[in-house]
Amino acid sequence: MTTIAAGVTWARPFVLSALIVLGPVLIARQLVAASPDIRDFLDWTICAASSATSGRPAAVPTITGSEPLAAEPHKRVTSVIVDFPPNAFSPEHHHEADLYVYVLEGTIRSQLGGQGVETYTKGQSFFEPDGSVHLFAENTSATEPARILAVFVHREGARLTVFH
C-alpha cells in the first residue's frame, strides 16, 4: 500500500511536467491533423490542466465559437462560456491571449497580479492583458452558480489557459 501511495504522489507532478514539456508537441499534432472544427482543439487546450487542486469545484469552460481575424492572419477570436458551480474556484493561471470577461450571472471574485481583489456581478466586465497573471477567480456563492463569457484574442496555437 505504501508503494502505491508513493507512486501516486510522484505521478501527479510527473504528469503535469509531461503536459508542460509535451504540450507544444501535442498541440502541433492537433494542428497538423487539421481538425475540421477548431473548437475540438481549443476544448482540449483549455482542459489540458486541471484546476481542481484546491478541493473545491472547478470552473467548466465550453467553447462557443472561434474564428480567424481577417485583419490579422495568424490570430483568432474565441468565445468561451465558463460555468462556475457554487463555491467553484480557479487557481493561479495566465492566458496566452488578451481576454475580455463579461459576467452573465452570479458574482465572481477575482484578482490579477499587482492589483487588489475585485468583485464582479452580472453585467460587469473586466480585461486581462496577454500574459498577465490571474491569481484566482471564484464563485462567491455556496448555493448559486455563476457564469461568464470570456472572449480571447490570441495567436494560432496559443494556450488559452495555463495553470501555474
Protein backbone atom coordinates (compact mmCIF):
# COMPACT_ATOMS: atom_id res chain seq x y z
CA MET A 1 0.00 0.00 0.00
CA THR A 2 2.86 2.40 0.74
CA THR A 3 4.35 1.82 -2.71
CA ILE A 4 1.08 2.70 -4.43
CA ALA A 5 0.65 5.86 -2.35
CA ALA A 6 4.24 6.92 -3.07
CA GLY A 7 3.67 6.26 -6.79
CA VAL A 8 0.53 8.38 -6.83
CA THR A 9 2.29 11.23 -5.02
CA TRP A 10 5.15 11.06 -7.50
CA ALA A 11 2.91 10.60 -10.55
CA ARG A 12 0.93 13.83 -10.24
CA PRO A 13 3.89 16.23 -10.62
CA PHE A 14 5.31 13.97 -13.33
CA VAL A 15 2.07 14.10 -15.35
CA LEU A 16 1.86 17.89 -15.01
CA SER A 17 5.53 18.21 -16.04
CA ALA A 18 4.89 15.93 -19.02
CA LEU A 19 1.98 18.13 -20.09
CA ILE A 20 4.21 21.20 -19.94
CA VAL A 21 7.01 19.53 -21.91
CA LEU A 22 4.86 17.61 -24.38
CA GLY A 23 2.12 20.23 -24.69
CA PRO A 24 3.65 22.04 -27.69
CA VAL A 25 4.22 18.72 -29.48
CA LEU A 26 0.65 17.58 -28.84
CA ILE A 27 -0.68 20.96 -29.95
CA ALA A 28 1.34 20.78 -33.16
CA ARG A 29 -0.04 17.30 -33.86
CA GLN A 30 -3.58 18.60 -33.32
CA LEU A 31 -2.93 21.44 -35.78
CA VAL A 32 -1.32 19.17 -38.38
CA ALA A 33 -4.29 16.82 -38.14
CA ALA A 34 -6.35 19.84 -39.34
CA SER A 35 -9.46 19.03 -37.37
CA PRO A 36 -12.48 20.36 -39.28
CA ASP A 37 -13.71 22.03 -36.08
CA ILE A 38 -11.14 24.17 -34.23
CA ARG A 39 -13.39 24.05 -31.15
CA ASP A 40 -12.36 20.43 -30.52
CA PHE A 41 -8.73 21.51 -30.41
CA LEU A 42 -9.44 24.54 -28.21
CA ASP A 43 -11.52 22.48 -25.75
CA TRP A 44 -8.54 20.12 -25.47
CA THR A 45 -6.16 23.04 -24.94
CA ILE A 46 -8.21 24.64 -22.16
CA CYS A 47 -8.79 21.36 -20.33
CA ALA A 48 -5.18 20.09 -20.59
CA ALA A 49 -4.56 21.03 -16.95
CA SER A 50 -6.94 20.61 -14.05
CA SER A 51 -7.93 23.41 -11.72
CA ALA A 52 -9.38 21.11 -9.07
CA THR A 53 -6.24 21.20 -6.90
CA SER A 54 -7.98 23.27 -4.19
CA GLY A 55 -10.54 20.59 -3.34
CA ARG A 56 -13.30 22.97 -4.46
CA PRO A 57 -15.38 22.51 -7.62
CA ALA A 58 -13.64 23.67 -10.79
CA ALA A 59 -14.91 26.15 -13.34
CA VAL A 60 -16.15 24.44 -16.52
CA PRO A 61 -15.27 26.07 -19.88
CA THR A 62 -17.30 25.47 -23.06
CA ILE A 63 -16.06 26.84 -26.38
CA THR A 64 -18.93 28.61 -28.16
CA GLY A 65 -17.04 29.82 -31.22
CA SER A 66 -13.67 30.53 -32.76
CA GLU A 67 -12.94 32.47 -35.93
CA PRO A 68 -9.79 33.77 -37.63
CA LEU A 69 -9.35 37.56 -37.64
CA ALA A 70 -9.46 38.95 -41.18
CA ALA A 71 -7.02 41.78 -40.43
CA GLU A 72 -4.56 39.54 -38.52
CA PRO A 73 -3.95 36.28 -40.45
CA HIS A 74 -2.28 34.47 -37.53
CA LYS A 75 -4.80 35.46 -34.86
CA ARG A 76 -8.23 34.23 -33.77
CA VAL A 77 -11.08 35.40 -31.58
CA THR A 78 -12.51 32.62 -29.41
CA SER A 79 -15.54 32.86 -27.16
CA VAL A 80 -15.95 30.62 -24.14
CA ILE A 81 -18.78 30.30 -21.63
CA VAL A 82 -17.31 29.43 -18.23
CA ASP A 83 -19.69 27.96 -15.66
CA PHE A 84 -18.74 28.31 -12.01
CA PRO A 85 -20.77 25.87 -9.90
CA PRO A 86 -21.47 27.02 -6.33
CA ASN A 87 -18.18 27.59 -4.46
CA ALA A 88 -16.13 26.92 -7.64
CA PHE A 89 -12.52 28.08 -7.71
CA SER A 90 -9.95 28.62 -10.44
CA PRO A 91 -6.34 28.80 -9.14
CA GLU A 92 -3.44 30.90 -10.40
CA HIS A 93 -3.09 30.89 -14.17
CA HIS A 94 -2.42 33.08 -17.18
CA HIS A 95 -3.72 33.27 -20.73
CA GLU A 96 -1.67 33.47 -23.92
CA ALA A 97 -4.26 35.94 -25.15
CA ASP A 98 -5.87 39.27 -24.48
CA LEU A 99 -9.05 38.47 -22.60
CA TYR A 100 -12.32 40.33 -22.11
CA VAL A 101 -14.65 38.87 -19.46
CA TYR A 102 -18.36 39.67 -19.05
CA VAL A 103 -20.34 38.31 -16.08
CA LEU A 104 -23.56 36.72 -17.33
CA GLU A 105 -24.89 35.63 -13.95
CA GLY A 106 -23.85 35.41 -10.32
CA THR A 107 -20.89 37.03 -8.60
CA ILE A 108 -17.22 36.37 -9.37
CA ARG A 109 -14.36 37.41 -7.09
CA SER A 110 -11.05 37.75 -8.90
CA GLN A 111 -7.52 39.08 -8.56
CA LEU A 112 -4.92 39.89 -11.19
CA GLY A 113 -1.25 40.12 -10.21
CA GLY A 114 -0.32 43.55 -8.90
CA GLN A 115 -3.96 44.52 -8.34
CA GLY A 116 -6.43 44.24 -5.48
CA VAL A 117 -9.19 41.67 -5.16
CA GLU A 118 -12.24 42.72 -7.19
CA THR A 119 -15.85 41.51 -7.13
CA TYR A 120 -17.87 41.49 -10.35
CA THR A 121 -21.62 40.95 -10.63
CA LYS A 122 -24.00 40.30 -13.50
CA GLY A 123 -23.50 42.91 -16.24
CA GLN A 124 -19.97 43.93 -15.19
CA SER A 125 -16.79 43.18 -17.12
CA PHE A 126 -13.01 43.25 -16.87
CA PHE A 127 -9.95 42.90 -19.11
CA GLU A 128 -6.79 40.78 -18.76
CA PRO A 129 -3.84 41.69 -20.99
CA ASP A 130 -1.95 38.84 -22.68
CA GLY A 131 0.36 37.11 -20.18
CA SER A 132 -0.94 38.82 -17.04
CA VAL A 133 -1.15 36.52 -14.03
CA HIS A 134 -4.65 35.81 -12.79
CA LEU A 135 -4.10 34.86 -9.13
CA PHE A 136 -7.56 33.34 -8.72
CA ALA A 137 -11.22 33.53 -9.70
CA GLU A 138 -14.08 32.14 -7.67
CA ASN A 139 -17.84 32.00 -7.35
CA THR A 140 -18.61 33.80 -4.10
CA SER A 141 -21.84 31.85 -3.53
CA ALA A 142 -22.02 28.45 -1.86
CA THR A 143 -25.53 27.89 -3.27
CA GLU A 144 -25.90 29.74 -6.61
CA PRO A 145 -23.96 29.19 -9.85
CA ALA A 146 -22.11 31.95 -11.69
CA ARG A 147 -21.37 32.20 -15.41
CA ILE A 148 -19.06 34.36 -17.51
CA LEU A 149 -18.44 34.96 -21.18
CA ALA A 150 -14.70 35.01 -21.90
CA VAL A 151 -13.58 36.41 -25.26
CA PHE A 152 -9.97 35.60 -26.16
CA VAL A 153 -7.96 37.31 -28.92
CA HIS A 154 -4.98 35.03 -29.48
CA ARG A 155 -2.30 33.72 -31.83
CA GLU A 156 -2.99 30.47 -33.65
CA GLY A 157 -1.87 27.62 -31.40
CA ALA A 158 -1.77 29.71 -28.20
CA ARG A 159 -2.64 28.00 -24.93
CA LEU A 160 -5.79 29.77 -23.80
CA THR A 161 -5.39 28.88 -20.11
CA VAL A 162 -2.14 27.85 -18.42
CA PHE A 163 -2.37 26.84 -14.76
CA HIS A 164 0.70 27.50 -12.57
